Amino acid sequence: MAESEVSILIPTYFASRMALNCIESILKTVQNPRILLYKNDVGWLQACNALMRSLNTDIILLNDDTVVLTDIAKEMSFLAYSDSSIGIVGGKSLAPNGDTVINYGIYIGPDGNTAHKHYGQLSDNVTEVETQKAVEGSCMFIKREVLDKVGYFDESYGQGYRAEVDYCFKVRESGYKIVSSPNSKYIHFTSQTMGPLGVTNDTHAIFMEKWGAKLKLGKI
């Protein structure tokens, strides 16, 4: 299947220098990017859904507290279309030093608790494409056909915690694979939105009501 157009979607509360740094990094690294910035006060999850519904392209969701280091549109799209069964591609999230991995896929335990895979490892040591149960929403490529088939994020998750994991589970149940791209690198300055806003909502109960039984039986 041929690659299609990709839109990079950046929901932001503050539209501050942080968001401008993100956009400047895209302009430096991504060839001919299509960028949509949405300043909002409705929440990350709702903003993502509004942006995704407004388009008919493949999309990359990108947090405003990120700095892109490689051509994520090229790398993620190439990997996504290397296999028709791939529906979502995650990036490689790095600490501000640019050398240490923060996240390369999400581990989900039978109790629904999550952990970042490869946390603390050197970026140069994490070089393989990996199949994942879920990837982080701070830099997530989603094929348009997946959005058309599976739909959008479940807004009952409020401000968004675990929403991307929930969505990845739905996508996998629909028959798609989720992978991480080692060449899609970005720095993530974590908790730069939720922290200042004082958002601490716990969505564990919502998540376990939907997925707990399958997690405990190893069926998801």
C-alpha atoms as a PDB file:
ATOM      1  CA  MET A   1       0.000   0.000   0.000  1.00  0.00           C
ATOM      2  CA  ALA A   2       1.350   3.419  -0.907  1.00  0.00           C
ATOM      3  CA  GLU A   3       2.080   6.026   1.716  1.00  0.00           C
ATOM      4  CA  SER A   4      -0.460   8.829   2.002  1.00  0.00           C
ATOM      5  CA  GLU A   5      -0.370  12.424   3.193  1.00  0.00           C
ATOM      6  CA  VAL A   6       0.482  12.932   6.857  1.00  0.00           C
ATOM      7  CA  SER A   7      -0.721  15.763   9.100  1.00  0.00           C
ATOM      8  CA  ILE A   8       1.099  16.589  12.341  1.00  0.00           C
ATOM      9  CA  LEU A   9      -1.432  17.607  14.992  1.00  0.00           C
ATOM     10  CA  ILE A  10      -0.363  19.589  18.050  1.00  0.00           C
ATOM     11  CA  PRO A  11      -2.996  20.254  20.731  1.00  0.00           C
ATOM     12  CA  THR A  12      -1.853  22.953  23.162  1.00  0.00           C
ATOM     13  CA  TYR A  13      -3.257  24.797  26.162  1.00  0.00           C
ATOM     14  CA  PHE A  14      -0.758  27.607  26.401  1.00  0.00           C
ATOM     15  CA  ALA A  15       0.568  28.109  22.838  1.00  0.00           C
ATOM     16  CA  SER A  16       3.720  29.321  24.564  1.00  0.00           C
ATOM     17  CA  ARG A  17       7.394  29.289  23.623  1.00  0.00           C
ATOM     18  CA  MET A  18       7.293  25.557  24.293  1.00  0.00           C
ATOM     19  CA  ALA A  19       4.854  25.029  21.401  1.00  0.00           C
ATOM     20  CA  LEU A  20       6.893  27.330  19.164  1.00  0.00           C
ATOM     21  CA  ASN A  21      10.018  25.306  19.931  1.00  0.00           C
ATOM     22  CA  CYS A  22       8.122  22.180  18.901  1.00  0.00           C
ATOM     23  CA  ILE A  23       7.030  23.735  15.600  1.00  0.00           C
ATOM     24  CA  GLU A  24      10.524  25.104  14.891  1.00  0.00           C
ATOM     25  CA  SER A  25      11.994  21.632  15.399  1.00  0.00           C
ATOM     26  CA  ILE A  26       9.483  20.158  12.931  1.00  0.00           C
ATOM     27  CA  LEU A  27      10.372  22.779  10.332  1.00  0.00           C
ATOM     28  CA  LYS A  28      14.057  21.901  10.725  1.00  0.00           C
ATOM     29  CA  THR A  29      13.673  18.133  10.481  1.00  0.00           C
ATOM     30  CA  VAL A  30      10.489  17.226   8.570  1.00  0.00           C
ATOM     31  CA  GLN A  31      10.335  17.723   4.823  1.00  0.00           C
ATOM     32  CA  ASN A  32       7.327  19.823   3.725  1.00  0.00           C
ATOM     33  CA  PRO A  33       5.368  19.292   6.935  1.00  0.00           C
ATOM     34  CA  ARG A  34       1.639  19.859   7.286  1.00  0.00           C
ATOM     35  CA  ILE A  35       1.161  21.166  10.855  1.00  0.00           C
ATOM     36  CA  LEU A  36      -2.107  21.911  12.653  1.00  0.00           C
ATOM     37  CA  LEU A  37      -1.866  23.683  16.019  1.00  0.00           C
ATOM     38  CA  TYR A  38      -5.022  23.783  18.130  1.00  0.00           C
ATOM     39  CA  LYS A  39      -5.030  26.109  21.139  1.00  0.00           C
ATOM     40  CA  ASN A  40      -7.753  24.787  23.403  1.00  0.00           C
ATOM     41  CA  ASP A  41      -9.139  24.628  26.906  1.00  0.00           C
ATOM     42  CA  VAL A  42     -11.115  21.414  26.478  1.00  0.00           C
ATOM     43  CA  GLY A  43      -8.348  18.904  27.217  1.00  0.00           C
ATOM     44  CA  TRP A  44      -5.743  16.929  25.275  1.00  0.00           C
ATOM     45  CA  LEU A  45      -8.073  14.043  24.517  1.00  0.00           C
ATOM     46  CA  GLN A  46     -10.948  16.126  23.220  1.00  0.00           C
ATOM     47  CA  ALA A  47      -8.581  18.349  21.226  1.00  0.00           C
ATOM     48  CA  CYS A  48      -6.991  15.309  19.558  1.00  0.00           C
ATOM     49  CA  ASN A  49     -10.403  13.972  18.564  1.00  0.00           C
ATOM     50  CA  ALA A  50     -11.510  17.320  17.158  1.00  0.00           C
ATOM     51  CA  LEU A  51      -8.344  17.612  15.092  1.00  0.00           C
ATOM     52  CA  MET A  52      -8.494  14.025  13.808  1.00  0.00           C
ATOM     53  CA  ARG A  53     -12.157  14.361  12.811  1.00  0.00           C
ATOM     54  CA  SER A  54     -11.373  17.497  10.799  1.00  0.00           C
ATOM     55  CA  LEU A  55      -9.018  15.681   8.398  1.00  0.00           C
ATOM     56  CA  ASN A  56      -8.915  12.783   5.967  1.00  0.00           C
ATOM     57  CA  THR A  57      -5.167  12.104   6.109  1.00  0.00           C
ATOM     58  CA  ASP A  58      -2.915   9.884   8.167  1.00  0.00           C
ATOM     59  CA  ILE A  59      -2.011  11.736  11.340  1.00  0.00           C
ATOM     60  CA  ILE A  60       0.775  12.137  13.875  1.00  0.00           C
ATOM     61  CA  LEU A  61      -0.323  13.279  17.313  1.00  0.00           C
ATOM     62  CA  LEU A  62       2.496  15.302  18.849  1.00  0.00           C
ATOM     63  CA  ASN A  63       2.654  16.916  22.277  1.00  0.00           C
ATOM     64  CA  ASP A  64       3.577  20.574  22.411  1.00  0.00           C
ATOM     65  CA  ASP A  65       6.261  19.782  25.029  1.00  0.00           C
ATOM     66  CA  THR A  66       8.403  17.932  22.486  1.00  0.00           C
ATOM     67  CA  VAL A  67      11.353  18.723  20.223  1.00  0.00           C
ATOM     68  CA  VAL A  68      11.571  16.612  17.082  1.00  0.00           C
ATOM     69  CA  LEU A  69      15.035  15.292  16.220  1.00  0.00           C
ATOM     70  CA  THR A  70      14.366  13.334  13.013  1.00  0.00           C
ATOM     71  CA  ASP A  71      11.904  13.377  10.117  1.00  0.00           C
ATOM     72  CA  ILE A  72       9.123  11.653  12.040  1.00  0.00           C
ATOM     73  CA  ALA A  73       6.630  11.926   9.171  1.00  0.00           C
ATOM     74  CA  LYS A  74       8.973  10.115   6.791  1.00  0.00           C
ATOM     75  CA  GLU A  75      10.157   7.489   9.275  1.00  0.00           C
ATOM     76  CA  MET A  76       6.781   6.645  10.776  1.00  0.00           C
ATOM     77  CA  SER A  77       4.935   6.607   7.474  1.00  0.00           C
ATOM     78  CA  PHE A  78       7.579   4.399   5.840  1.00  0.00           C
ATOM     79  CA  LEU A  79       7.361   1.887   8.676  1.00  0.00           C
ATOM     80  CA  ALA A  80       3.558   1.981   8.799  1.00  0.00           C
ATOM     81  CA  TYR A  81       3.259   1.186   5.089  1.00  0.00           C
ATOM     82  CA  SER A  82       5.981  -1.459   5.091  1.00  0.00           C
ATOM     83  CA  ASP A  83       3.286  -3.842   6.375  1.00  0.00           C
ATOM     84  CA  SER A  84      -0.432  -3.480   5.665  1.00  0.00           C
ATOM     85  CA  SER A  85      -1.254  -4.917   9.095  1.00  0.00           C
ATOM     86  CA  ILE A  86       0.482  -2.071  10.955  1.00  0.00           C
ATOM     87  CA  GLY A  87      -2.043   0.486  12.193  1.00  0.00           C
ATOM     88  CA  ILE A  88      -0.118   2.614  14.683  1.00  0.00           C
ATOM     89  CA  VAL A  89       3.537   3.595  14.975  1.00  0.00           C
ATOM     90  CA  GLY A  90       5.104   5.096  18.089  1.00  0.00           C
ATOM     91  CA  GLY A  91       8.291   7.122  18.304  1.00  0.00           C
ATOM     92  CA  LYS A  92      11.363   6.962  20.543  1.00  0.00           C
ATOM     93  CA  SER A  93      10.954   9.441  23.387  1.00  0.00           C
ATOM     94  CA  LEU A  94      14.197  10.817  24.809  1.00  0.00           C
ATOM     95  CA  ALA A  95      15.156  12.771  27.901  1.00  0.00           C
ATOM     96  CA  PRO A  96      16.294  16.398  27.502  1.00  0.00           C
ATOM     97  CA  ASN A  97      19.911  15.217  27.165  1.00  0.00           C
ATOM     98  CA  GLY A  98      18.913  13.570  23.866  1.00  0.00           C
ATOM     99  CA  ASP A  99      20.780  10.382  24.779  1.00  0.00           C
ATOM    100  CA  THR A 100      18.538   8.542  27.246  1.00  0.00           C
ATOM    101  CA  VAL A 101      15.278   6.777  26.417  1.00  0.00           C
ATOM    102  CA  ILE A 102      12.178   7.802  28.366  1.00  0.00           C
ATOM    103  CA  ASN A 103       9.721   5.646  26.472  1.00  0.00           C
ATOM    104  CA  TYR A 104       9.819   3.098  23.662  1.00  0.00           C
ATOM    105  CA  GLY A 105       6.504   1.349  24.045  1.00  0.00           C
ATOM    106  CA  ILE A 106       4.277   0.825  27.071  1.00  0.00           C
ATOM    107  CA  TYR A 107       4.215  -2.239  29.305  1.00  0.00           C
ATOM    108  CA  ILE A 108       0.773  -3.013  30.782  1.00  0.00           C
ATOM    109  CA  GLY A 109       0.545  -5.441  33.679  1.00  0.00           C
ATOM    110  CA  PRO A 110      -2.397  -7.759  34.475  1.00  0.00           C
ATOM    111  CA  ASP A 111      -3.391  -5.240  37.155  1.00  0.00           C
ATOM    112  CA  GLY A 112      -3.643  -2.452  34.566  1.00  0.00           C
ATOM    113  CA  ASN A 113      -0.612  -0.547  35.787  1.00  0.00           C
ATOM    114  CA  THR A 114       1.765   0.726  33.144  1.00  0.00           C
ATOM    115  CA  ALA A 115       5.502   1.272  32.759  1.00  0.00           C
ATOM    116  CA  HIS A 116       7.677   2.789  30.059  1.00  0.00           C
ATOM    117  CA  LYS A 117       9.703   0.215  28.172  1.00  0.00           C
ATOM    118  CA  HIS A 118      13.478   0.761  27.861  1.00  0.00           C
ATOM    119  CA  TYR A 119      13.346   3.626  30.357  1.00  0.00           C
ATOM    120  CA  GLY A 120      16.854   4.862  31.180  1.00  0.00           C
ATOM    121  CA  GLN A 121      18.621   2.990  28.391  1.00  0.00           C
ATOM    122  CA  LEU A 122      20.918   4.757  25.964  1.00  0.00           C
ATOM    123  CA  SER A 123      19.175   5.672  22.717  1.00  0.00           C
ATOM    124  CA  ASP A 124      21.986   4.091  20.675  1.00  0.00           C
ATOM    125  CA  ASN A 125      21.217   0.742  22.323  1.00  0.00           C
ATOM    126  CA  VAL A 126      17.543   0.771  21.302  1.00  0.00           C
ATOM    127  CA  THR A 127      17.690   0.259  17.553  1.00  0.00           C
ATOM    128  CA  GLU A 128      15.138  -2.405  16.613  1.00  0.00           C
ATOM    129  CA  VAL A 129      11.550  -2.030  15.462  1.00  0.00           C
ATOM    130  CA  GLU A 130       9.412  -3.507  18.227  1.00  0.00           C
ATOM    131  CA  THR A 131       5.853  -4.786  18.263  1.00  0.00           C
ATOM    132  CA  GLN A 132       3.989  -3.234  21.196  1.00  0.00           C
ATOM    133  CA  LYS A 133       0.791  -3.600  23.168  1.00  0.00           C
ATOM    134  CA  ALA A 134       0.586   0.193  23.268  1.00  0.00           C
ATOM    135  CA  VAL A 135       2.620   3.302  22.534  1.00  0.00           C
ATOM    136  CA  GLU A 136       2.675   6.758  24.066  1.00  0.00           C
ATOM    137  CA  GLY A 137       0.391   9.470  22.724  1.00  0.00           C
ATOM    138  CA  SER A 138       3.110  12.136  22.846  1.00  0.00           C
ATOM    139  CA  CYS A 139       4.187  11.064  19.341  1.00  0.00           C
ATOM    140  CA  MET A 140       1.806   8.600  17.705  1.00  0.00           C
ATOM    141  CA  PHE A 141       1.225   7.896  13.998  1.00  0.00           C
ATOM    142  CA  ILE A 142      -2.233   6.561  13.116  1.00  0.00           C
ATOM    143  CA  LYS A 143      -3.283   5.448   9.647  1.00  0.00           C
ATOM    144  CA  ARG A 144      -6.446   7.054   8.338  1.00  0.00           C
ATOM    145  CA  GLU A 145      -7.942   3.631   7.614  1.00  0.00           C
ATOM    146  CA  VAL A 146      -7.592   2.813  11.315  1.00  0.00           C
ATOM    147  CA  LEU A 147      -9.427   5.986  12.330  1.00  0.00           C
ATOM    148  CA  ASP A 148     -12.141   5.234   9.788  1.00  0.00           C
ATOM    149  CA  LYS A 149     -12.554   1.666  11.042  1.00  0.00           C
ATOM    150  CA  VAL A 150     -11.947   1.938  14.785  1.00  0.00           C
ATOM    151  CA  GLY A 151     -12.973   5.526  15.472  1.00  0.00           C
ATOM    152  CA  TYR A 152     -11.391   7.960  17.899  1.00  0.00           C
ATOM    153  CA  PHE A 153     -10.308   8.215  21.535  1.00  0.00           C
ATOM    154  CA  ASP A 154     -12.799   7.403  24.281  1.00  0.00           C
ATOM    155  CA  GLU A 155     -13.571  10.765  25.878  1.00  0.00           C
ATOM    156  CA  SER A 156     -14.734   9.165  29.123  1.00  0.00           C
ATOM    157  CA  TYR A 157     -11.017   9.224  30.060  1.00  0.00           C
ATOM    158  CA  GLY A 158     -11.350  12.929  30.777  1.00  0.00           C
ATOM    159  CA  GLN A 159      -7.982  14.655  30.504  1.00  0.00           C
ATOM    160  CA  GLY A 160      -6.488  11.696  28.680  1.00  0.00           C
ATOM    161  CA  TYR A 161      -4.587   9.408  31.047  1.00  0.00           C
ATOM    162  CA  ARG A 162      -4.579   5.837  29.624  1.00  0.00           C
ATOM    163  CA  ALA A 163      -6.629   6.998  26.626  1.00  0.00           C
ATOM    164  CA  GLU A 164      -3.878   6.086  24.170  1.00  0.00           C
ATOM    165  CA  VAL A 165      -3.479   2.651  25.787  1.00  0.00           C
ATOM    166  CA  ASP A 166      -7.224   2.088  25.539  1.00  0.00           C
ATOM    167  CA  TYR A 167      -7.122   3.126  21.887  1.00  0.00           C
ATOM    168  CA  CYS A 168      -4.166   0.869  21.128  1.00  0.00           C
ATOM    169  CA  PHE A 169      -6.050  -2.048  22.651  1.00  0.00           C
ATOM    170  CA  LYS A 170      -9.072  -1.342  20.441  1.00  0.00           C
ATOM    171  CA  VAL A 171      -6.845  -1.110  17.378  1.00  0.00           C
ATOM    172  CA  ARG A 172      -5.160  -4.425  18.138  1.00  0.00           C
ATOM    173  CA  GLU A 173      -8.536  -6.098  18.689  1.00  0.00           C
ATOM    174  CA  SER A 174      -9.477  -4.856  15.210  1.00  0.00           C
ATOM    175  CA  GLY A 175      -6.585  -6.856  13.753  1.00  0.00           C
ATOM    176  CA  TYR A 176      -3.847  -4.237  13.424  1.00  0.00           C
ATOM    177  CA  LYS A 177      -0.314  -4.315  14.787  1.00  0.00           C
ATOM    178  CA  ILE A 178       1.332  -1.541  16.783  1.00  0.00           C
ATOM    179  CA  VAL A 179       5.057  -0.956  16.470  1.00  0.00           C
ATOM    180  CA  SER A 180       7.712   1.497  17.621  1.00  0.00           C
ATOM    181  CA  SER A 181      10.108   3.216  15.211  1.00  0.00           C
ATOM    182  CA  PRO A 182      13.704   3.550  16.480  1.00  0.00           C
ATOM    183  CA  ASN A 183      14.491   6.305  13.973  1.00  0.00           C
ATOM    184  CA  SER A 184      11.549   8.515  14.994  1.00  0.00           C
ATOM    185  CA  LYS A 185      13.342  10.398  17.755  1.00  0.00           C
ATOM    186  CA  TYR A 186      12.077  13.279  19.830  1.00  0.00           C
ATOM    187  CA  ILE A 187      12.809  14.917  23.168  1.00  0.00           C
ATOM    188  CA  HIS A 188       9.863  14.976  25.564  1.00  0.00           C
ATOM    189  CA  PHE A 189       9.750  17.520  28.377  1.00  0.00           C
ATOM    190  CA  THR A 190       7.175  15.577  30.371  1.00  0.00           C
ATOM    191  CA  SER A 191       4.241  16.944  32.399  1.00  0.00           C
ATOM    192  CA  GLN A 192       4.564  20.483  31.065  1.00  0.00           C
ATOM    193  CA  THR A 193       0.810  20.829  30.563  1.00  0.00           C
ATOM    194  CA  MET A 194      -0.887  18.617  33.134  1.00  0.00           C
ATOM    195  CA  GLY A 195       1.475  19.690  35.917  1.00  0.00           C
ATOM    196  CA  PRO A 196       0.843  23.459  35.672  1.00  0.00           C
ATOM    197  CA  LEU A 197      -2.897  22.800  35.312  1.00  0.00           C
ATOM    198  CA  GLY A 198      -2.950  20.598  38.400  1.00  0.00           C
ATOM    199  CA  VAL A 199      -4.567  17.710  36.548  1.00  0.00           C
ATOM    200  CA  THR A 200      -4.203  14.451  38.483  1.00  0.00           C
ATOM    201  CA  ASN A 201      -7.236  12.434  37.369  1.00  0.00           C
ATOM    202  CA  ASP A 202      -6.890   8.681  37.875  1.00  0.00           C
ATOM    203  CA  THR A 203      -8.475   6.626  35.113  1.00  0.00           C
ATOM    204  CA  HIS A 204      -7.418   3.204  36.391  1.00  0.00           C
ATOM    205  CA  ALA A 205     -10.964   2.203  37.327  1.00  0.00           C
ATOM    206  CA  ILE A 206     -12.337   3.158  33.896  1.00  0.00           C
ATOM    207  CA  PHE A 207      -9.535   1.286  32.168  1.00  0.00           C
ATOM    208  CA  MET A 208      -9.941  -1.875  34.262  1.00  0.00           C
ATOM    209  CA  GLU A 209     -13.706  -1.921  33.808  1.00  0.00           C
ATOM    210  CA  LYS A 210     -13.114  -2.118  30.053  1.00  0.00           C
ATOM    211  CA  TRP A 211     -10.014  -4.298  29.925  1.00  0.00           C
ATOM    212  CA  GLY A 212      -9.411  -5.865  33.349  1.00  0.00           C
ATOM    213  CA  ALA A 213     -10.900  -9.286  32.643  1.00  0.00           C
ATOM    214  CA  LYS A 214      -9.003  -9.692  29.375  1.00  0.00           C
ATOM    215  CA  LEU A 215      -5.754  -8.475  30.946  1.00  0.00           C
ATOM    216  CA  LYS A 216      -5.982 -10.969  33.776  1.00  0.00           C
ATOM    217  CA  LEU A 217      -6.654 -13.792  31.307  1.00  0.00           C
ATOM    218  CA  GLY A 218      -3.866 -12.663  28.977  1.00  0.00           C
ATOM    219  CA  LYS A 219      -6.317 -12.090  26.118  1.00  0.00           C
ATOM    220  CA  ILE A 220      -5.288  -8.562  25.229  1.00  0.00           C
END
